[in-house]
């Protein structure tokens, strides 16, 4: 079973986006385990990802992406506005993560910090700064 945090990491988006996708019906319906606890079945998310890829392949081939049949999820997508409202209310109190920086951004920040340290060491030692260090980009 996947949590909101699991999905946000998987898709590289914040938790609020996962909640919006859920509200808009973009994601399959989760299993509600409690007032503030929802989980998605891994097989539903896998089926959903396959469906999105099939749609992208059809679009790339110049075909209508609506030809891709929607997968059969373990739970029906909610269409009742009251049910959707109850589900949104049940998840409202889940705290946002404190650190929203992705791993790639953290690595880029670390590379930038190390580059600045290396330049500082070269300057302190009275040595010329290597061209590779000046032109180095964090990729």
N, C-alpha and C. Protein backbone atom coordinates (compact mmCIF):
# COMPACT_ATOMS: atom_id res chain seq x y z
N UNK A 1 0.85 -1.18 0.00
CA UNK A 1 0.00 0.00 0.00
C UNK A 1 0.89 1.24 0.00
N UNK A 2 0.56 2.20 -0.85
CA UNK A 2 1.36 3.40 -1.01
C UNK A 2 0.73 4.59 -0.30
N UNK A 3 1.55 5.39 0.35
CA UNK A 3 1.08 6.58 1.05
C UNK A 3 1.15 7.78 0.12
N UNK A 4 0.63 8.91 0.59
CA UNK A 4 0.72 10.16 -0.15
C UNK A 4 2.19 10.52 -0.37
N UNK A 5 3.01 10.33 0.66
CA UNK A 5 4.45 10.61 0.53
C UNK A 5 5.10 9.72 -0.52
N UNK A 6 4.71 8.44 -0.55
CA UNK A 6 5.26 7.52 -1.55
C UNK A 6 4.94 8.01 -2.96
N UNK A 7 3.69 8.43 -3.18
CA UNK A 7 3.29 8.90 -4.50
C UNK A 7 3.96 10.22 -4.86
N UNK A 8 4.11 11.10 -3.88
CA UNK A 8 4.76 12.39 -4.17
C UNK A 8 6.22 12.16 -4.58
N UNK A 9 6.89 11.21 -3.95
CA UNK A 9 8.27 10.88 -4.33
C UNK A 9 8.31 10.20 -5.69
N UNK A 10 7.38 9.29 -5.93
CA UNK A 10 7.33 8.54 -7.19
C UNK A 10 7.16 9.48 -8.39
N UNK A 11 6.26 10.46 -8.24
CA UNK A 11 5.95 11.35 -9.36
C UNK A 11 6.75 12.66 -9.30
N UNK A 12 7.51 12.87 -8.21
CA UNK A 12 8.31 14.09 -8.11
C UNK A 12 7.49 15.35 -7.94
N UNK A 13 6.39 15.24 -7.21
CA UNK A 13 5.52 16.40 -6.96
C UNK A 13 5.30 16.51 -5.45
N UNK A 14 4.74 17.64 -5.02
CA UNK A 14 4.46 17.81 -3.60
C UNK A 14 3.16 17.08 -3.23
N UNK A 15 2.94 16.94 -1.95
CA UNK A 15 1.76 16.24 -1.44
C UNK A 15 0.47 16.92 -1.88
N UNK A 16 0.48 18.25 -1.93
CA UNK A 16 -0.73 18.99 -2.34
C UNK A 16 -1.15 18.59 -3.75
N UNK A 17 -0.18 18.36 -4.62
CA UNK A 17 -0.49 17.94 -5.99
C UNK A 17 -1.16 16.57 -5.99
N UNK A 18 -0.69 15.66 -5.14
CA UNK A 18 -1.32 14.34 -5.04
C UNK A 18 -2.76 14.49 -4.59
N UNK A 19 -3.01 15.35 -3.60
CA UNK A 19 -4.38 15.58 -3.14
C UNK A 19 -5.24 16.18 -4.25
N UNK A 20 -4.66 17.12 -5.02
CA UNK A 20 -5.42 17.71 -6.14
C UNK A 20 -5.72 16.67 -7.21
N UNK A 21 -4.73 15.85 -7.54
CA UNK A 21 -4.95 14.80 -8.54
C UNK A 21 -6.04 13.84 -8.07
N UNK A 22 -6.03 13.55 -6.80
CA UNK A 22 -7.05 12.66 -6.23
C UNK A 22 -8.43 13.31 -6.36
N UNK A 23 -8.50 14.59 -5.99
CA UNK A 23 -9.78 15.32 -6.03
C UNK A 23 -10.31 15.41 -7.46
N UNK A 24 -9.42 15.62 -8.42
CA UNK A 24 -9.81 15.76 -9.82
C UNK A 24 -10.06 14.42 -10.50
N UNK A 25 -9.77 13.32 -9.81
CA UNK A 25 -10.00 12.00 -10.39
C UNK A 25 -8.87 11.55 -11.30
N UNK A 26 -7.72 12.19 -11.22
CA UNK A 26 -6.58 11.82 -12.05
C UNK A 26 -5.96 10.52 -11.56
N UNK A 27 -5.94 10.34 -10.25
CA UNK A 27 -5.41 9.10 -9.66
C UNK A 27 -6.56 8.16 -9.34
N UNK A 28 -6.27 6.86 -9.27
CA UNK A 28 -7.31 5.93 -8.82
C UNK A 28 -7.68 6.23 -7.36
N UNK A 29 -8.86 5.80 -6.98
CA UNK A 29 -9.32 6.04 -5.60
C UNK A 29 -8.46 5.27 -4.62
N UNK A 30 -8.14 5.90 -3.49
CA UNK A 30 -7.38 5.21 -2.46
C UNK A 30 -8.30 4.41 -1.55
N UNK A 31 -7.69 3.60 -0.73
CA UNK A 31 -8.41 2.88 0.32
C UNK A 31 -8.37 3.79 1.55
N UNK A 32 -9.52 4.10 2.11
CA UNK A 32 -9.58 4.93 3.30
C UNK A 32 -9.50 4.03 4.51
N UNK A 33 -8.41 4.17 5.26
CA UNK A 33 -8.19 3.32 6.44
C UNK A 33 -8.63 4.00 7.72
N UNK A 34 -8.81 5.28 7.70
CA UNK A 34 -9.23 6.04 8.87
C UNK A 34 -9.51 7.47 8.47
N UNK A 35 -9.82 8.29 9.45
CA UNK A 35 -10.20 9.68 9.16
C UNK A 35 -9.09 10.42 8.44
N UNK A 36 -7.86 10.16 8.79
CA UNK A 36 -6.74 10.87 8.19
C UNK A 36 -5.76 9.92 7.50
N UNK A 37 -6.20 8.73 7.17
CA UNK A 37 -5.29 7.73 6.61
C UNK A 37 -5.85 7.16 5.32
N UNK A 38 -5.13 7.40 4.22
CA UNK A 38 -5.50 6.82 2.93
C UNK A 38 -4.27 6.14 2.34
N UNK A 39 -4.51 5.09 1.60
CA UNK A 39 -3.44 4.35 0.93
C UNK A 39 -3.93 3.94 -0.46
N UNK A 40 -2.99 3.85 -1.38
CA UNK A 40 -3.31 3.37 -2.73
C UNK A 40 -2.72 1.99 -2.89
N UNK A 41 -3.46 1.13 -3.57
CA UNK A 41 -2.95 -0.21 -3.88
C UNK A 41 -1.90 -0.09 -4.98
N UNK A 42 -0.80 -0.80 -4.79
CA UNK A 42 0.30 -0.74 -5.76
C UNK A 42 -0.16 -1.18 -7.14
N UNK A 43 -1.03 -2.19 -7.20
CA UNK A 43 -1.49 -2.67 -8.51
C UNK A 43 -2.36 -1.63 -9.21
N UNK A 44 -3.11 -0.82 -8.45
CA UNK A 44 -3.90 0.26 -9.06
C UNK A 44 -2.99 1.33 -9.64
N UNK A 45 -1.96 1.71 -8.89
CA UNK A 45 -1.03 2.74 -9.37
C UNK A 45 -0.25 2.22 -10.57
N UNK A 46 0.16 0.97 -10.55
CA UNK A 46 0.87 0.38 -11.68
C UNK A 46 -0.01 0.36 -12.93
N UNK A 47 -1.27 -0.05 -12.76
CA UNK A 47 -2.21 -0.06 -13.89
C UNK A 47 -2.43 1.35 -14.41
N UNK A 48 -2.52 2.32 -13.50
CA UNK A 48 -2.72 3.71 -13.89
C UNK A 48 -1.51 4.22 -14.69
N UNK A 49 -0.29 3.91 -14.22
CA UNK A 49 0.92 4.33 -14.93
C UNK A 49 0.98 3.71 -16.33
N UNK A 50 0.62 2.43 -16.44
CA UNK A 50 0.61 1.77 -17.75
C UNK A 50 -0.38 2.44 -18.69
N UNK A 51 -1.55 2.82 -18.15
CA UNK A 51 -2.58 3.48 -18.95
C UNK A 51 -2.07 4.84 -19.44
N UNK A 52 -1.41 5.60 -18.57
CA UNK A 52 -0.86 6.91 -18.96
C UNK A 52 0.19 6.73 -20.06
N UNK A 53 1.04 5.71 -19.93
CA UNK A 53 2.05 5.45 -20.97
C UNK A 53 1.41 5.06 -22.29
N UNK A 54 0.35 4.24 -22.24
CA UNK A 54 -0.36 3.86 -23.48
C UNK A 54 -0.94 5.10 -24.14
N UNK A 55 -1.50 6.01 -23.36
CA UNK A 55 -2.06 7.25 -23.91
C UNK A 55 -0.96 8.09 -24.56
N UNK A 56 0.20 8.17 -23.90
CA UNK A 56 1.31 8.95 -24.45
C UNK A 56 1.81 8.33 -25.76
N UNK A 57 1.88 7.00 -25.81
CA UNK A 57 2.31 6.32 -27.03
C UNK A 57 1.33 6.59 -28.17
N UNK A 58 0.04 6.55 -27.88
CA UNK A 58 -0.96 6.83 -28.91
C UNK A 58 -0.84 8.27 -29.40
N UNK A 59 -0.66 9.19 -28.46
CA UNK A 59 -0.53 10.60 -28.83
C UNK A 59 0.71 10.81 -29.69
N UNK A 60 1.83 10.15 -29.34
CA UNK A 60 3.07 10.28 -30.11
C UNK A 60 2.91 9.69 -31.52
N UNK A 61 2.07 8.68 -31.64
CA UNK A 61 1.86 8.05 -32.94
C UNK A 61 0.83 8.81 -33.78
N UNK A 62 0.28 9.90 -33.22
CA UNK A 62 -0.71 10.69 -33.94
C UNK A 62 -2.11 10.17 -33.81
N UNK A 63 -2.33 9.20 -32.94
CA UNK A 63 -3.67 8.63 -32.74
C UNK A 63 -4.36 9.33 -31.57
N UNK A 64 -5.64 9.07 -31.43
CA UNK A 64 -6.42 9.65 -30.35
C UNK A 64 -6.10 8.91 -29.05
N UNK A 65 -5.59 9.64 -28.03
CA UNK A 65 -5.24 8.96 -26.77
C UNK A 65 -6.45 8.41 -26.02
N UNK A 66 -7.65 8.87 -26.39
CA UNK A 66 -8.85 8.36 -25.74
C UNK A 66 -9.14 6.91 -26.13
N UNK A 67 -8.42 6.38 -27.12
CA UNK A 67 -8.59 4.98 -27.52
C UNK A 67 -8.05 4.03 -26.46
N UNK A 68 -7.16 4.51 -25.62
CA UNK A 68 -6.60 3.66 -24.56
C UNK A 68 -7.69 3.42 -23.52
N UNK A 69 -8.06 2.18 -23.36
CA UNK A 69 -9.11 1.87 -22.39
C UNK A 69 -8.60 2.05 -20.97
N UNK A 70 -9.42 2.70 -20.16
CA UNK A 70 -9.03 2.96 -18.78
C UNK A 70 -8.95 1.64 -18.01
N UNK A 71 -7.96 1.50 -17.15
CA UNK A 71 -7.81 0.24 -16.42
C UNK A 71 -8.95 0.02 -15.44
N UNK A 72 -9.11 -1.22 -15.04
CA UNK A 72 -10.10 -1.56 -14.03
C UNK A 72 -9.39 -1.52 -12.69
N UNK A 73 -9.76 -0.53 -11.91
CA UNK A 73 -9.16 -0.38 -10.59
C UNK A 73 -9.93 -1.21 -9.58
N UNK A 74 -9.30 -1.45 -8.43
CA UNK A 74 -9.95 -2.24 -7.39
C UNK A 74 -11.10 -1.48 -6.75
N UNK A 75 -11.08 -0.14 -6.80
CA UNK A 75 -12.17 0.68 -6.29
C UNK A 75 -12.68 1.56 -7.41
N UNK A 76 -13.98 1.76 -7.45
CA UNK A 76 -14.55 2.64 -8.47
C UNK A 76 -14.17 4.08 -8.14
N UNK A 77 -13.94 4.91 -9.18
CA UNK A 77 -13.67 6.32 -8.94
C UNK A 77 -14.92 7.00 -8.43
N UNK A 78 -14.76 7.80 -7.39
CA UNK A 78 -15.90 8.49 -6.79
C UNK A 78 -16.37 9.60 -7.72
N UNK A 79 -17.68 9.66 -7.94
CA UNK A 79 -18.26 10.74 -8.72
C UNK A 79 -19.20 11.57 -7.86
N UNK A 80 -19.56 11.06 -6.71
CA UNK A 80 -20.44 11.77 -5.79
C UNK A 80 -19.66 12.90 -5.12
N UNK A 81 -20.10 14.15 -5.32
CA UNK A 81 -19.38 15.30 -4.78
C UNK A 81 -19.32 15.26 -3.26
N UNK A 82 -20.34 14.73 -2.61
CA UNK A 82 -20.33 14.64 -1.15
C UNK A 82 -19.26 13.66 -0.68
N UNK A 83 -19.13 12.53 -1.38
CA UNK A 83 -18.09 11.55 -1.02
C UNK A 83 -16.71 12.14 -1.22
N UNK A 84 -16.51 12.85 -2.33
CA UNK A 84 -15.22 13.49 -2.58
C UNK A 84 -14.93 14.51 -1.48
N UNK A 85 -15.92 15.28 -1.09
CA UNK A 85 -15.75 16.26 -0.02
C UNK A 85 -15.37 15.61 1.29
N UNK A 86 -16.00 14.48 1.61
CA UNK A 86 -15.67 13.77 2.85
C UNK A 86 -14.24 13.26 2.80
N UNK A 87 -13.82 12.76 1.65
CA UNK A 87 -12.46 12.26 1.52
C UNK A 87 -11.44 13.39 1.64
N UNK A 88 -11.75 14.54 1.04
CA UNK A 88 -10.84 15.68 1.15
C UNK A 88 -10.76 16.13 2.60
N UNK A 89 -11.90 16.21 3.26
CA UNK A 89 -11.92 16.62 4.67
C UNK A 89 -11.14 15.63 5.54
N UNK A 90 -11.21 14.35 5.22
CA UNK A 90 -10.51 13.34 6.01
C UNK A 90 -9.00 13.48 5.89
N UNK A 91 -8.53 14.03 4.78
CA UNK A 91 -7.08 14.15 4.59
C UNK A 91 -6.57 15.57 4.84
N UNK A 92 -7.43 16.47 5.18
CA UNK A 92 -7.05 17.88 5.34
C UNK A 92 -5.98 18.10 6.39
N UNK A 93 -5.99 17.31 7.44
CA UNK A 93 -5.12 17.57 8.58
C UNK A 93 -3.78 16.86 8.50
N UNK A 94 -3.46 16.23 7.38
CA UNK A 94 -2.15 15.63 7.23
C UNK A 94 -1.14 16.74 7.02
N UNK A 95 -0.09 16.81 7.85
CA UNK A 95 0.87 17.91 7.74
C UNK A 95 1.69 17.83 6.45
N UNK A 96 2.06 19.00 5.95
CA UNK A 96 2.93 19.08 4.78
C UNK A 96 4.36 18.70 5.21
N UNK A 97 5.13 18.10 4.33
CA UNK A 97 6.51 17.79 4.71
C UNK A 97 7.28 19.08 4.95
N UNK A 98 8.18 19.06 5.92
CA UNK A 98 8.97 20.25 6.24
C UNK A 98 9.96 20.58 5.13
N UNK A 99 10.58 19.55 4.59
CA UNK A 99 11.59 19.76 3.56
C UNK A 99 11.02 19.30 2.22
N UNK A 100 10.73 20.25 1.33
CA UNK A 100 10.15 19.92 0.03
C UNK A 100 11.21 19.85 -1.07
N UNK A 101 12.48 19.94 -0.68
CA UNK A 101 13.57 19.89 -1.64
C UNK A 101 13.75 18.46 -2.14
N UNK A 102 13.82 18.31 -3.45
CA UNK A 102 14.02 16.98 -4.01
C UNK A 102 15.47 16.55 -3.84
N UNK A 103 15.73 15.27 -3.99
CA UNK A 103 17.09 14.75 -3.86
C UNK A 103 18.03 15.37 -4.89
N UNK A 104 17.54 15.57 -6.09
CA UNK A 104 18.37 16.16 -7.15
C UNK A 104 18.76 17.59 -6.77
N UNK A 105 17.79 18.36 -6.23
CA UNK A 105 18.10 19.72 -5.81
C UNK A 105 19.11 19.73 -4.67
N UNK A 106 19.00 18.76 -3.75
CA UNK A 106 19.96 18.67 -2.65
C UNK A 106 21.37 18.38 -3.18
N UNK A 107 21.46 17.49 -4.16
CA UNK A 107 22.76 17.17 -4.76
C UNK A 107 23.34 18.39 -5.47
N UNK A 108 22.49 19.11 -6.20
CA UNK A 108 22.96 20.32 -6.88
C UNK A 108 23.47 21.36 -5.88
N UNK A 109 22.75 21.52 -4.78
CA UNK A 109 23.18 22.46 -3.75
C UNK A 109 24.52 22.03 -3.16
N UNK A 110 24.69 20.73 -2.94
CA UNK A 110 25.94 20.21 -2.38
C UNK A 110 27.11 20.44 -3.34
N UNK A 111 26.88 20.21 -4.63
CA UNK A 111 27.92 20.43 -5.64
C UNK A 111 28.30 21.90 -5.68
N UNK A 112 27.32 22.78 -5.61
CA UNK A 112 27.58 24.21 -5.62
C UNK A 112 28.41 24.61 -4.39
N UNK A 113 28.08 24.04 -3.24
CA UNK A 113 28.81 24.31 -2.01
C UNK A 113 30.26 23.83 -2.11
N UNK A 114 30.44 22.61 -2.64
CA UNK A 114 31.79 22.06 -2.79
C UNK A 114 32.62 22.89 -3.78
N UNK A 115 31.98 23.36 -4.84
CA UNK A 115 32.67 24.19 -5.82
C UNK A 115 33.15 25.49 -5.16
N UNK A 116 32.27 26.09 -4.35
CA UNK A 116 32.64 27.34 -3.67
C UNK A 116 33.79 27.08 -2.69
N UNK A 117 33.77 25.95 -2.01
CA UNK A 117 34.87 25.62 -1.09
C UNK A 117 36.18 25.44 -1.85
N UNK A 118 36.12 24.76 -3.01
CA UNK A 118 37.33 24.54 -3.80
C UNK A 118 37.90 25.85 -4.30
N UNK A 119 37.04 26.76 -4.74
CA UNK A 119 37.50 28.08 -5.20
C UNK A 119 38.14 28.82 -4.03
N UNK A 120 37.50 28.75 -2.86
CA UNK A 120 38.05 29.40 -1.67
C UNK A 120 39.42 28.85 -1.29
N UNK A 121 39.61 27.55 -1.39
CA UNK A 121 40.90 26.93 -1.07
C UNK A 121 41.98 27.38 -2.06
N UNK A 122 41.61 27.46 -3.34
CA UNK A 122 42.57 27.91 -4.36
C UNK A 122 42.99 29.36 -4.08
N UNK A 123 42.03 30.20 -3.77
CA UNK A 123 42.33 31.61 -3.50
C UNK A 123 43.20 31.72 -2.25
N UNK A 124 42.85 30.96 -1.18
CA UNK A 124 43.61 31.02 0.07
C UNK A 124 45.05 30.54 -0.13
N UNK A 125 45.24 29.58 -1.01
CA UNK A 125 46.57 29.04 -1.26
C UNK A 125 47.34 29.86 -2.29
N UNK A 126 46.70 30.86 -2.88
CA UNK A 126 47.35 31.68 -3.89
C UNK A 126 47.55 30.95 -5.20
N UNK A 127 46.78 29.94 -5.45
CA UNK A 127 46.89 29.14 -6.68
C UNK A 127 45.83 29.62 -7.68
N UNK A 128 46.10 29.46 -8.95
CA UNK A 128 45.07 29.82 -9.94
C UNK A 128 43.89 28.82 -9.88
N UNK A 129 42.73 29.34 -10.17
CA UNK A 129 41.52 28.49 -10.15
C UNK A 129 41.48 27.73 -11.48
N UNK A 130 41.40 26.40 -11.42
CA UNK A 130 41.39 25.60 -12.66
C UNK A 130 40.16 25.95 -13.53
N UNK A 131 40.38 25.93 -14.86
CA UNK A 131 39.29 26.21 -15.79
C UNK A 131 38.12 25.24 -15.62
N UNK A 132 38.45 23.95 -15.31
CA UNK A 132 37.41 22.95 -15.13
C UNK A 132 36.48 23.32 -13.96
N UNK A 133 37.03 23.95 -12.96
CA UNK A 133 36.24 24.33 -11.79
C UNK A 133 35.37 25.54 -12.11
N UNK A 134 35.88 26.44 -12.90
CA UNK A 134 35.11 27.63 -13.26
C UNK A 134 33.96 27.27 -14.18
N UNK A 135 34.20 26.38 -15.12
CA UNK A 135 33.16 26.04 -16.11
C UNK A 135 32.28 24.88 -15.66
N UNK A 136 32.56 24.29 -14.50
CA UNK A 136 31.79 23.13 -14.03
C UNK A 136 30.35 23.54 -13.75
N UNK A 137 29.44 22.77 -14.28
CA UNK A 137 28.02 22.98 -14.05
C UNK A 137 27.47 21.81 -13.27
N UNK A 138 26.57 22.06 -12.35
CA UNK A 138 25.90 20.99 -11.61
C UNK A 138 24.79 20.47 -12.49
N UNK A 139 24.91 19.22 -12.94
CA UNK A 139 23.91 18.64 -13.86
C UNK A 139 23.04 17.67 -13.14
